[in-house]
Amino acid sequence: MRGLAVVCGLAAACVFAAVPARASANAGPSARHGGPVNLVATPAVKRALRASFLRGHPALRPAQVRGPLRGSVYYARYGPFEWALATFSVPRVGTTDQPEVFRRRLGGAWIDRGDTGGSLCGVPRAVVRLWGLDKVYGSPC
């Protein structure tokens, strides 16, 4: 189970922090029927997400960027893709509009699809439900 903390500041910007769950060795019935599967984000996955974030934000120096922040990574497989959310902190804006959405084909390179801006419209609803974020981010787009 994941625990979520929501921190809101001025200008109604909210930051969502998550305590990641451990994936089960038994993927369960949804995996056998093509449903999403929660995965554990290894240090290698987190490094790859960071590299993708930095490629997508070339104006930022790597030393300026913190993250992915501890407890902020969600990671799942759904169909031919792997999906991830991760929060990064950058100068002057911190974690505004985070987390960032990532996707890759199985075995491929991560692509940073941009920040959520408070909405997970680009992430399949089944994955959002698997992560328990449907209650946090509200109704489908």
C-alpha atoms as a PDB file:
ATOM      1  CA  MET A   1       0.000   0.000   0.000  1.00  0.00           C
ATOM      2  CA  ARG A   2       1.195   3.533  -0.711  1.00  0.00           C
ATOM      3  CA  GLY A   3       0.928   6.457   1.625  1.00  0.00           C
ATOM      4  CA  LEU A   4       0.408   9.845  -0.007  1.00  0.00           C
ATOM      5  CA  ALA A   5       1.178  13.272   1.336  1.00  0.00           C
ATOM      6  CA  VAL A   6      -0.152  16.395  -0.334  1.00  0.00           C
ATOM      7  CA  VAL A   7       1.544  19.714   0.286  1.00  0.00           C
ATOM      8  CA  CYS A   8      -0.084  22.833  -1.148  1.00  0.00           C
ATOM      9  CA  GLY A   9       1.439  26.282  -1.222  1.00  0.00           C
ATOM     10  CA  LEU A  10       0.665  29.683  -2.637  1.00  0.00           C
ATOM     11  CA  ALA A  11      -0.823  29.824  -6.132  1.00  0.00           C
ATOM     12  CA  ALA A  12      -2.551  26.492  -5.409  1.00  0.00           C
ATOM     13  CA  ALA A  13       0.473  24.484  -6.489  1.00  0.00           C
ATOM     14  CA  CYS A  14       0.414  21.057  -4.899  1.00  0.00           C
ATOM     15  CA  VAL A  15       3.193  18.538  -4.565  1.00  0.00           C
ATOM     16  CA  PHE A  16       2.376  14.868  -4.211  1.00  0.00           C
ATOM     17  CA  ALA A  17       4.850  12.667  -2.382  1.00  0.00           C
ATOM     18  CA  ALA A  18       4.431   8.934  -2.322  1.00  0.00           C
ATOM     19  CA  VAL A  19       5.786   6.120  -0.261  1.00  0.00           C
ATOM     20  CA  PRO A  20       6.366   3.408  -2.861  1.00  0.00           C
ATOM     21  CA  ALA A  21       4.948  -0.046  -2.458  1.00  0.00           C
ATOM     22  CA  ARG A  22       6.966  -3.181  -3.016  1.00  0.00           C
ATOM     23  CA  ALA A  23       5.915  -5.233  -6.006  1.00  0.00           C
ATOM     24  CA  SER A  24       4.786  -8.727  -5.276  1.00  0.00           C
ATOM     25  CA  ALA A  25       6.665 -11.706  -6.684  1.00  0.00           C
ATOM     26  CA  ASN A  26       3.244 -12.962  -7.774  1.00  0.00           C
ATOM     27  CA  ALA A  27       1.992 -10.561 -10.411  1.00  0.00           C
ATOM     28  CA  GLY A  28      -1.570 -11.706  -9.752  1.00  0.00           C
ATOM     29  CA  PRO A  29      -4.549 -12.208 -12.037  1.00  0.00           C
ATOM     30  CA  SER A  30      -4.421  -8.776 -13.673  1.00  0.00           C
ATOM     31  CA  ALA A  31      -0.946  -9.538 -15.076  1.00  0.00           C
ATOM     32  CA  ARG A  32      -2.157 -12.801 -16.619  1.00  0.00           C
ATOM     33  CA  HIS A  33      -5.025 -10.969 -18.332  1.00  0.00           C
ATOM     34  CA  GLY A  34      -3.045  -8.025 -19.698  1.00  0.00           C
ATOM     35  CA  GLY A  35      -3.678  -5.602 -16.845  1.00  0.00           C
ATOM     36  CA  PRO A  36      -1.031  -3.283 -15.440  1.00  0.00           C
ATOM     37  CA  VAL A  37       1.707  -4.693 -13.200  1.00  0.00           C
ATOM     38  CA  ASN A  38       3.337  -2.646 -10.447  1.00  0.00           C
ATOM     39  CA  LEU A  39       7.150  -2.838 -10.572  1.00  0.00           C
ATOM     40  CA  VAL A  40       9.945  -1.909  -8.178  1.00  0.00           C
ATOM     41  CA  ALA A  41      12.043   1.019  -9.394  1.00  0.00           C
ATOM     42  CA  THR A  42      15.622  -0.176  -9.044  1.00  0.00           C
ATOM     43  CA  PRO A  43      18.539   2.255  -8.774  1.00  0.00           C
ATOM     44  CA  ALA A  44      19.219   1.608 -12.494  1.00  0.00           C
ATOM     45  CA  VAL A  45      15.633   2.586 -13.406  1.00  0.00           C
ATOM     46  CA  LYS A  46      15.913   5.747 -11.310  1.00  0.00           C
ATOM     47  CA  ARG A  47      19.230   6.666 -13.004  1.00  0.00           C
ATOM     48  CA  ALA A  48      17.608   6.137 -16.420  1.00  0.00           C
ATOM     49  CA  LEU A  49      14.646   8.351 -15.458  1.00  0.00           C
ATOM     50  CA  ARG A  50      17.043  11.066 -14.308  1.00  0.00           C
ATOM     51  CA  ALA A  51      19.003  10.827 -17.575  1.00  0.00           C
ATOM     52  CA  SER A  52      15.754  11.146 -19.558  1.00  0.00           C
ATOM     53  CA  PHE A  53      14.677  14.155 -17.471  1.00  0.00           C
ATOM     54  CA  LEU A  54      18.041  15.864 -18.062  1.00  0.00           C
ATOM     55  CA  ARG A  55      17.856  15.157 -21.836  1.00  0.00           C
ATOM     56  CA  GLY A  56      14.428  16.782 -21.880  1.00  0.00           C
ATOM     57  CA  HIS A  57      15.646  19.836 -19.956  1.00  0.00           C
ATOM     58  CA  PRO A  58      19.001  20.734 -21.552  1.00  0.00           C
ATOM     59  CA  ALA A  59      19.079  24.210 -19.966  1.00  0.00           C
ATOM     60  CA  LEU A  60      19.466  22.614 -16.524  1.00  0.00           C
ATOM     61  CA  ARG A  61      22.887  21.588 -15.295  1.00  0.00           C
ATOM     62  CA  PRO A  62      22.802  18.106 -13.733  1.00  0.00           C
ATOM     63  CA  ALA A  63      24.235  19.472 -10.480  1.00  0.00           C
ATOM     64  CA  GLN A  64      21.218  21.798 -10.205  1.00  0.00           C
ATOM     65  CA  VAL A  65      18.669  18.974 -10.340  1.00  0.00           C
ATOM     66  CA  ARG A  66      17.680  16.877  -7.335  1.00  0.00           C
ATOM     67  CA  GLY A  67      15.928  13.642  -8.010  1.00  0.00           C
ATOM     68  CA  PRO A  68      14.152  11.568  -8.573  1.00  0.00           C
ATOM     69  CA  LEU A  69      13.259  12.493  -5.021  1.00  0.00           C
ATOM     70  CA  ARG A  70      13.033   9.709  -2.442  1.00  0.00           C
ATOM     71  CA  GLY A  71       9.621   8.058  -2.378  1.00  0.00           C
ATOM     72  CA  SER A  72       8.388   9.814  -5.526  1.00  0.00           C
ATOM     73  CA  VAL A  73       8.828   7.089  -8.160  1.00  0.00           C
ATOM     74  CA  TYR A  74       5.910   5.006  -9.414  1.00  0.00           C
ATOM     75  CA  TYR A  75       6.707   2.323 -11.992  1.00  0.00           C
ATOM     76  CA  ALA A  76       4.476  -0.120 -13.890  1.00  0.00           C
ATOM     77  CA  ARG A  77       4.215  -2.239 -17.010  1.00  0.00           C
ATOM     78  CA  TYR A  78       1.046  -2.123 -19.096  1.00  0.00           C
ATOM     79  CA  GLY A  79       0.825  -3.731 -22.517  1.00  0.00           C
ATOM     80  CA  PRO A  80       3.942  -3.019 -24.605  1.00  0.00           C
ATOM     81  CA  PHE A  81       4.962  -0.061 -22.419  1.00  0.00           C
ATOM     82  CA  GLU A  82       6.471   0.731 -19.062  1.00  0.00           C
ATOM     83  CA  TRP A  83       5.240   3.860 -17.314  1.00  0.00           C
ATOM     84  CA  ALA A  84       6.812   5.885 -14.533  1.00  0.00           C
ATOM     85  CA  LEU A  85       6.192   9.002 -12.492  1.00  0.00           C
ATOM     86  CA  ALA A  86       9.057  10.718 -10.718  1.00  0.00           C
ATOM     87  CA  THR A  87       9.461  14.050  -8.966  1.00  0.00           C
ATOM     88  CA  PHE A  88      12.499  16.282  -9.510  1.00  0.00           C
ATOM     89  CA  SER A  89      13.420  19.538  -7.819  1.00  0.00           C
ATOM     90  CA  VAL A  90      14.936  22.285  -9.952  1.00  0.00           C
ATOM     91  CA  PRO A  91      16.187  25.797  -9.110  1.00  0.00           C
ATOM     92  CA  ARG A  92      13.642  28.605  -8.637  1.00  0.00           C
ATOM     93  CA  VAL A  93      10.567  26.399  -9.096  1.00  0.00           C
ATOM     94  CA  GLY A  94      11.296  23.413  -6.876  1.00  0.00           C
ATOM     95  CA  THR A  95       8.762  20.674  -7.610  1.00  0.00           C
ATOM     96  CA  THR A  96       6.049  22.851  -9.180  1.00  0.00           C
ATOM     97  CA  ASP A  97       3.907  20.920 -11.704  1.00  0.00           C
ATOM     98  CA  GLN A  98       5.602  17.635 -10.804  1.00  0.00           C
ATOM     99  CA  PRO A  99       5.665  14.683 -10.992  1.00  0.00           C
ATOM    100  CA  GLU A 100       7.111  14.094 -14.446  1.00  0.00           C
ATOM    101  CA  VAL A 101       5.590  11.363 -16.670  1.00  0.00           C
ATOM    102  CA  PHE A 102       7.848   8.850 -18.439  1.00  0.00           C
ATOM    103  CA  ARG A 103       7.112   6.058 -20.901  1.00  0.00           C
ATOM    104  CA  ARG A 104       9.168   3.516 -22.808  1.00  0.00           C
ATOM    105  CA  ARG A 105       8.544   0.502 -24.983  1.00  0.00           C
ATOM    106  CA  LEU A 106       9.680  -2.677 -23.262  1.00  0.00           C
ATOM    107  CA  GLY A 107      13.470  -2.717 -23.500  1.00  0.00           C
ATOM    108  CA  GLY A 108      13.601   0.779 -24.989  1.00  0.00           C
ATOM    109  CA  ALA A 109      14.788   4.143 -23.728  1.00  0.00           C
ATOM    110  CA  TRP A 110      12.706   6.280 -21.377  1.00  0.00           C
ATOM    111  CA  ILE A 111      10.969   9.295 -22.920  1.00  0.00           C
ATOM    112  CA  ASP A 112      10.092  12.225 -20.672  1.00  0.00           C
ATOM    113  CA  ARG A 113       6.521  13.125 -21.649  1.00  0.00           C
ATOM    114  CA  GLY A 114       6.547  16.247 -19.491  1.00  0.00           C
ATOM    115  CA  ASP A 115       5.270  17.294 -16.108  1.00  0.00           C
ATOM    116  CA  THR A 116       1.773  16.444 -15.002  1.00  0.00           C
ATOM    117  CA  GLY A 117       0.719  19.984 -14.158  1.00  0.00           C
ATOM    118  CA  GLY A 118      -1.632  18.312 -11.692  1.00  0.00           C
ATOM    119  CA  SER A 119      -3.213  15.923 -14.201  1.00  0.00           C
ATOM    120  CA  LEU A 120      -2.379  12.372 -15.241  1.00  0.00           C
ATOM    121  CA  CYS A 121      -4.239  12.547 -18.569  1.00  0.00           C
ATOM    122  CA  GLY A 122      -1.321  11.011 -20.484  1.00  0.00           C
ATOM    123  CA  VAL A 123      -1.149   7.910 -18.269  1.00  0.00           C
ATOM    124  CA  PRO A 124      -3.558   5.002 -18.885  1.00  0.00           C
ATOM    125  CA  ARG A 125      -6.386   5.005 -16.321  1.00  0.00           C
ATOM    126  CA  ALA A 126      -5.658   1.378 -15.401  1.00  0.00           C
ATOM    127  CA  VAL A 127      -2.109   2.361 -14.410  1.00  0.00           C
ATOM    128  CA  VAL A 128      -3.342   5.372 -12.437  1.00  0.00           C
ATOM    129  CA  ARG A 129      -5.765   3.071 -10.566  1.00  0.00           C
ATOM    130  CA  LEU A 130      -3.023   0.489  -9.938  1.00  0.00           C
ATOM    131  CA  TRP A 131      -0.898   3.189  -8.294  1.00  0.00           C
ATOM    132  CA  GLY A 132      -3.896   4.331  -6.222  1.00  0.00           C
ATOM    133  CA  LEU A 133      -3.677   7.819  -7.696  1.00  0.00           C
ATOM    134  CA  ASP A 134      -7.182   7.900  -9.154  1.00  0.00           C
ATOM    135  CA  LYS A 135      -8.397   9.206  -5.790  1.00  0.00           C
ATOM    136  CA  VAL A 136      -5.664  11.857  -5.708  1.00  0.00           C
ATOM    137  CA  TYR A 137      -5.921  13.120  -9.277  1.00  0.00           C
ATOM    138  CA  GLY A 138      -9.683  12.786  -9.642  1.00  0.00           C
ATOM    139  CA  SER A 139     -11.798  11.748 -12.591  1.00  0.00           C
ATOM    140  CA  PRO A 140     -10.537  10.744 -16.020  1.00  0.00           C
ATOM    141  CA  CYS A 141      -9.666  13.439 -18.532  1.00  0.00           C
END
